[in-house]
Amino acid sequence: MLQLFVTGQTPRSLRALANLRRICDARLPGRYELRVVDVLERPQMAEEARVLATPTLIRLQPAPPRRVIGDLSDERRVVDGLELDGASGASFSVS
């Protein structure tokens, strides 16, 4: 379960979403759920998640939560930050 917090439809937000989908489709095909949260539309969710900058990606499941901030263009940083190398046995579903 992944949550990507973005600020509107900015180029940086769209780039982060495209990068994340590319990484997840390659490393977790059919095994992830992604929710995109626009902090302009849902500021309370960002506040509850303590998101201070966007884009911010939070891996909610499997626990413990992990965060990566930025446009997610550095695949190695995203994989390491979310601990996806060990995700082969993880159970994710596509949303």
N, C-alpha and C. Protein backbone atom coordinates (compact mmCIF):
# COMPACT_ATOMS: atom_id res chain seq x y z
N MET A 1 0.84 -1.17 0.00
CA MET A 1 0.00 0.00 0.00
C MET A 1 0.89 1.23 0.00
N LEU A 2 0.77 2.04 -1.04
CA LEU A 2 1.58 3.24 -1.20
C LEU A 2 0.68 4.47 -1.29
N GLN A 3 1.11 5.57 -0.70
CA GLN A 3 0.42 6.85 -0.83
C GLN A 3 1.41 7.86 -1.35
N LEU A 4 1.03 8.52 -2.44
CA LEU A 4 1.86 9.57 -3.01
C LEU A 4 1.16 10.90 -2.80
N PHE A 5 1.78 11.78 -2.05
CA PHE A 5 1.25 13.11 -1.80
C PHE A 5 1.86 14.07 -2.81
N VAL A 6 0.99 14.78 -3.55
CA VAL A 6 1.41 15.73 -4.58
C VAL A 6 0.70 17.05 -4.36
N THR A 7 1.18 18.08 -5.05
CA THR A 7 0.54 19.40 -5.02
C THR A 7 0.02 19.71 -6.40
N GLY A 8 -1.23 19.38 -6.66
CA GLY A 8 -1.85 19.66 -7.95
C GLY A 8 -1.24 18.85 -9.08
N GLN A 9 -1.47 19.34 -10.29
CA GLN A 9 -1.01 18.68 -11.51
C GLN A 9 0.25 19.34 -12.05
N THR A 10 1.18 19.64 -11.17
CA THR A 10 2.42 20.31 -11.58
C THR A 10 3.31 19.32 -12.33
N PRO A 11 4.25 19.83 -13.13
CA PRO A 11 5.18 18.92 -13.81
C PRO A 11 5.92 18.01 -12.83
N ARG A 12 6.31 18.52 -11.69
CA ARG A 12 7.03 17.71 -10.69
C ARG A 12 6.13 16.60 -10.15
N SER A 13 4.86 16.92 -9.87
CA SER A 13 3.91 15.92 -9.38
C SER A 13 3.67 14.83 -10.42
N LEU A 14 3.46 15.23 -11.66
CA LEU A 14 3.22 14.27 -12.74
C LEU A 14 4.44 13.40 -12.99
N ARG A 15 5.63 13.99 -12.89
CA ARG A 15 6.87 13.24 -13.07
C ARG A 15 7.03 12.20 -11.95
N ALA A 16 6.73 12.59 -10.72
CA ALA A 16 6.82 11.66 -9.60
C ALA A 16 5.86 10.49 -9.79
N LEU A 17 4.64 10.76 -10.22
CA LEU A 17 3.67 9.70 -10.43
C LEU A 17 4.12 8.76 -11.55
N ALA A 18 4.60 9.32 -12.65
CA ALA A 18 5.07 8.49 -13.76
C ALA A 18 6.27 7.64 -13.34
N ASN A 19 7.21 8.23 -12.62
CA ASN A 19 8.38 7.48 -12.14
C ASN A 19 7.96 6.35 -11.20
N LEU A 20 7.04 6.65 -10.29
CA LEU A 20 6.60 5.63 -9.34
C LEU A 20 5.89 4.48 -10.05
N ARG A 21 5.01 4.79 -10.98
CA ARG A 21 4.32 3.72 -11.72
C ARG A 21 5.32 2.85 -12.50
N ARG A 22 6.31 3.48 -13.11
CA ARG A 22 7.32 2.73 -13.86
C ARG A 22 8.07 1.78 -12.93
N ILE A 23 8.49 2.28 -11.77
CA ILE A 23 9.23 1.45 -10.82
C ILE A 23 8.37 0.31 -10.30
N CYS A 24 7.16 0.63 -9.88
CA CYS A 24 6.28 -0.40 -9.31
C CYS A 24 5.85 -1.43 -10.35
N ASP A 25 5.56 -0.97 -11.57
CA ASP A 25 5.17 -1.91 -12.62
C ASP A 25 6.32 -2.87 -12.95
N ALA A 26 7.55 -2.40 -12.85
CA ALA A 26 8.71 -3.24 -13.13
C ALA A 26 9.04 -4.17 -11.97
N ARG A 27 8.91 -3.68 -10.74
CA ARG A 27 9.36 -4.46 -9.57
C ARG A 27 8.24 -5.14 -8.81
N LEU A 28 7.01 -4.64 -8.93
CA LEU A 28 5.88 -5.20 -8.18
C LEU A 28 4.66 -5.37 -9.10
N PRO A 29 4.83 -5.96 -10.27
CA PRO A 29 3.70 -6.02 -11.21
C PRO A 29 2.50 -6.74 -10.59
N GLY A 30 1.37 -6.02 -10.54
CA GLY A 30 0.14 -6.60 -10.02
C GLY A 30 0.11 -6.78 -8.52
N ARG A 31 1.11 -6.24 -7.81
CA ARG A 31 1.19 -6.49 -6.36
C ARG A 31 1.28 -5.22 -5.54
N TYR A 32 0.69 -4.14 -6.01
CA TYR A 32 0.74 -2.92 -5.22
C TYR A 32 -0.57 -2.15 -5.37
N GLU A 33 -0.87 -1.37 -4.36
CA GLU A 33 -2.00 -0.45 -4.39
C GLU A 33 -1.45 0.95 -4.18
N LEU A 34 -1.84 1.87 -5.04
CA LEU A 34 -1.33 3.23 -5.00
C LEU A 34 -2.49 4.20 -4.86
N ARG A 35 -2.39 5.08 -3.87
CA ARG A 35 -3.35 6.17 -3.70
C ARG A 35 -2.59 7.47 -3.88
N VAL A 36 -3.11 8.32 -4.74
CA VAL A 36 -2.51 9.64 -4.95
C VAL A 36 -3.36 10.66 -4.21
N VAL A 37 -2.73 11.45 -3.36
CA VAL A 37 -3.42 12.44 -2.55
C VAL A 37 -2.91 13.82 -2.95
N ASP A 38 -3.83 14.66 -3.44
CA ASP A 38 -3.49 16.04 -3.77
C ASP A 38 -3.67 16.86 -2.50
N VAL A 39 -2.59 17.41 -1.99
CA VAL A 39 -2.65 18.15 -0.73
C VAL A 39 -3.46 19.44 -0.84
N LEU A 40 -3.67 19.94 -2.06
CA LEU A 40 -4.51 21.11 -2.24
C LEU A 40 -5.98 20.76 -2.02
N GLU A 41 -6.34 19.54 -2.35
CA GLU A 41 -7.72 19.08 -2.19
C GLU A 41 -7.96 18.42 -0.83
N ARG A 42 -6.93 17.82 -0.26
CA ARG A 42 -7.07 17.08 1.00
C ARG A 42 -5.95 17.44 1.98
N PRO A 43 -5.90 18.71 2.40
CA PRO A 43 -4.81 19.13 3.29
C PRO A 43 -4.81 18.39 4.63
N GLN A 44 -5.97 17.98 5.09
CA GLN A 44 -6.03 17.27 6.37
C GLN A 44 -5.28 15.94 6.30
N MET A 45 -5.39 15.24 5.18
CA MET A 45 -4.66 13.97 5.04
C MET A 45 -3.16 14.20 5.10
N ALA A 46 -2.70 15.27 4.46
CA ALA A 46 -1.27 15.59 4.49
C ALA A 46 -0.84 15.94 5.91
N GLU A 47 -1.67 16.67 6.60
CA GLU A 47 -1.34 17.04 7.98
C GLU A 47 -1.28 15.79 8.87
N GLU A 48 -2.26 14.92 8.73
CA GLU A 48 -2.29 13.69 9.54
C GLU A 48 -1.08 12.80 9.26
N ALA A 49 -0.63 12.79 8.00
CA ALA A 49 0.53 11.97 7.62
C ALA A 49 1.84 12.71 7.87
N ARG A 50 1.75 13.94 8.34
CA ARG A 50 2.91 14.78 8.61
C ARG A 50 3.78 14.98 7.37
N VAL A 51 3.12 15.27 6.28
CA VAL A 51 3.81 15.56 5.02
C VAL A 51 4.16 17.04 5.00
N LEU A 52 5.44 17.34 4.91
CA LEU A 52 5.91 18.72 4.92
C LEU A 52 6.34 19.21 3.55
N ALA A 53 6.61 18.29 2.63
CA ALA A 53 7.05 18.65 1.28
C ALA A 53 6.41 17.67 0.30
N THR A 54 6.23 18.13 -0.92
CA THR A 54 5.70 17.25 -1.96
C THR A 54 6.62 17.29 -3.17
N PRO A 55 6.63 16.21 -3.92
CA PRO A 55 5.97 14.94 -3.69
C PRO A 55 6.61 14.16 -2.54
N THR A 56 5.76 13.48 -1.78
CA THR A 56 6.21 12.57 -0.74
C THR A 56 5.50 11.24 -0.95
N LEU A 57 6.29 10.19 -0.98
CA LEU A 57 5.76 8.84 -1.12
C LEU A 57 5.89 8.14 0.23
N ILE A 58 4.79 7.52 0.67
CA ILE A 58 4.80 6.77 1.91
C ILE A 58 4.38 5.34 1.62
N ARG A 59 5.22 4.40 2.03
CA ARG A 59 4.83 2.98 1.97
C ARG A 59 4.17 2.69 3.30
N LEU A 60 2.87 2.40 3.26
CA LEU A 60 2.12 2.12 4.47
C LEU A 60 2.19 0.65 4.86
N GLN A 61 2.16 -0.21 3.89
CA GLN A 61 2.23 -1.66 4.12
C GLN A 61 3.21 -2.23 3.12
N PRO A 62 3.96 -3.20 3.45
CA PRO A 62 4.05 -3.79 4.77
C PRO A 62 4.74 -2.85 5.75
N ALA A 63 4.39 -3.00 7.02
CA ALA A 63 4.96 -2.17 8.09
C ALA A 63 6.44 -2.51 8.24
N PRO A 64 7.22 -1.61 8.73
CA PRO A 64 6.92 -0.26 9.19
C PRO A 64 6.84 0.70 8.01
N PRO A 65 6.14 1.82 8.21
CA PRO A 65 6.05 2.81 7.13
C PRO A 65 7.43 3.34 6.74
N ARG A 66 7.58 3.65 5.45
CA ARG A 66 8.82 4.21 4.92
C ARG A 66 8.45 5.39 4.03
N ARG A 67 9.34 6.40 3.94
CA ARG A 67 9.08 7.61 3.16
C ARG A 67 10.22 7.90 2.19
N VAL A 68 9.83 8.46 1.05
CA VAL A 68 10.79 8.98 0.07
C VAL A 68 10.22 10.31 -0.41
N ILE A 69 11.05 11.34 -0.42
CA ILE A 69 10.62 12.67 -0.83
C ILE A 69 11.33 13.05 -2.12
N GLY A 70 10.60 13.64 -3.05
CA GLY A 70 11.18 14.11 -4.30
C GLY A 70 10.42 13.57 -5.49
N ASP A 71 10.97 13.77 -6.69
CA ASP A 71 10.25 13.38 -7.91
C ASP A 71 10.44 11.90 -8.26
N LEU A 72 11.13 11.16 -7.42
CA LEU A 72 11.29 9.71 -7.54
C LEU A 72 12.04 9.30 -8.80
N SER A 73 12.87 10.19 -9.34
CA SER A 73 13.61 9.89 -10.56
C SER A 73 14.82 9.01 -10.32
N ASP A 74 15.30 8.95 -9.09
CA ASP A 74 16.44 8.10 -8.76
C ASP A 74 15.90 6.74 -8.29
N GLU A 75 15.81 5.81 -9.22
CA GLU A 75 15.18 4.51 -8.94
C GLU A 75 15.85 3.79 -7.77
N ARG A 76 17.17 3.81 -7.72
CA ARG A 76 17.89 3.12 -6.63
C ARG A 76 17.49 3.70 -5.28
N ARG A 77 17.38 5.04 -5.20
CA ARG A 77 16.98 5.69 -3.95
C ARG A 77 15.56 5.29 -3.54
N VAL A 78 14.65 5.19 -4.51
CA VAL A 78 13.28 4.79 -4.23
C VAL A 78 13.24 3.34 -3.77
N VAL A 79 13.93 2.46 -4.48
CA VAL A 79 13.95 1.04 -4.13
C VAL A 79 14.55 0.84 -2.75
N ASP A 80 15.66 1.50 -2.48
CA ASP A 80 16.28 1.39 -1.16
C ASP A 80 15.41 2.01 -0.07
N GLY A 81 14.86 3.18 -0.35
CA GLY A 81 14.04 3.89 0.63
C GLY A 81 12.78 3.14 1.01
N LEU A 82 12.19 2.45 0.04
CA LEU A 82 10.97 1.68 0.30
C LEU A 82 11.25 0.22 0.63
N GLU A 83 12.53 -0.14 0.57
CA GLU A 83 12.96 -1.52 0.81
C GLU A 83 12.25 -2.49 -0.13
N LEU A 84 12.25 -2.16 -1.42
CA LEU A 84 11.58 -2.99 -2.42
C LEU A 84 12.40 -4.19 -2.86
N ASP A 85 13.70 -4.18 -2.61
CA ASP A 85 14.52 -5.32 -3.01
C ASP A 85 14.06 -6.59 -2.32
N GLY A 86 13.54 -6.48 -1.12
CA GLY A 86 13.05 -7.64 -0.40
C GLY A 86 11.57 -7.86 -0.57
N ALA A 87 10.97 -7.22 -1.57
CA ALA A 87 9.51 -7.25 -1.73
C ALA A 87 9.00 -8.46 -2.50
N SER A 88 9.88 -9.37 -2.87
CA SER A 88 9.43 -10.49 -3.70
C SER A 88 8.34 -11.32 -3.03
N GLY A 89 8.35 -11.38 -1.71
CA GLY A 89 7.32 -12.13 -1.02
C GLY A 89 6.19 -11.27 -0.53
N ALA A 90 6.28 -9.97 -0.78
CA ALA A 90 5.25 -9.07 -0.29
C ALA A 90 3.97 -9.23 -1.09
N SER A 91 2.87 -8.93 -0.47
CA SER A 91 1.57 -9.06 -1.12
C SER A 91 0.98 -7.66 -1.33
N PHE A 92 0.98 -7.21 -2.57
CA PHE A 92 0.41 -5.93 -2.92
C PHE A 92 -0.70 -6.18 -3.94
N SER A 93 -1.64 -5.26 -4.06
CA SER A 93 -2.67 -5.38 -5.09
C SER A 93 -2.74 -4.09 -5.88
N VAL A 94 -3.05 -4.20 -7.15
CA VAL A 94 -3.12 -3.03 -8.02
C VAL A 94 -4.44 -2.32 -7.82
N SER A 95 -4.37 -1.00 -7.72
CA SER A 95 -5.59 -0.20 -7.56
C SER A 95 -5.69 0.77 -8.72
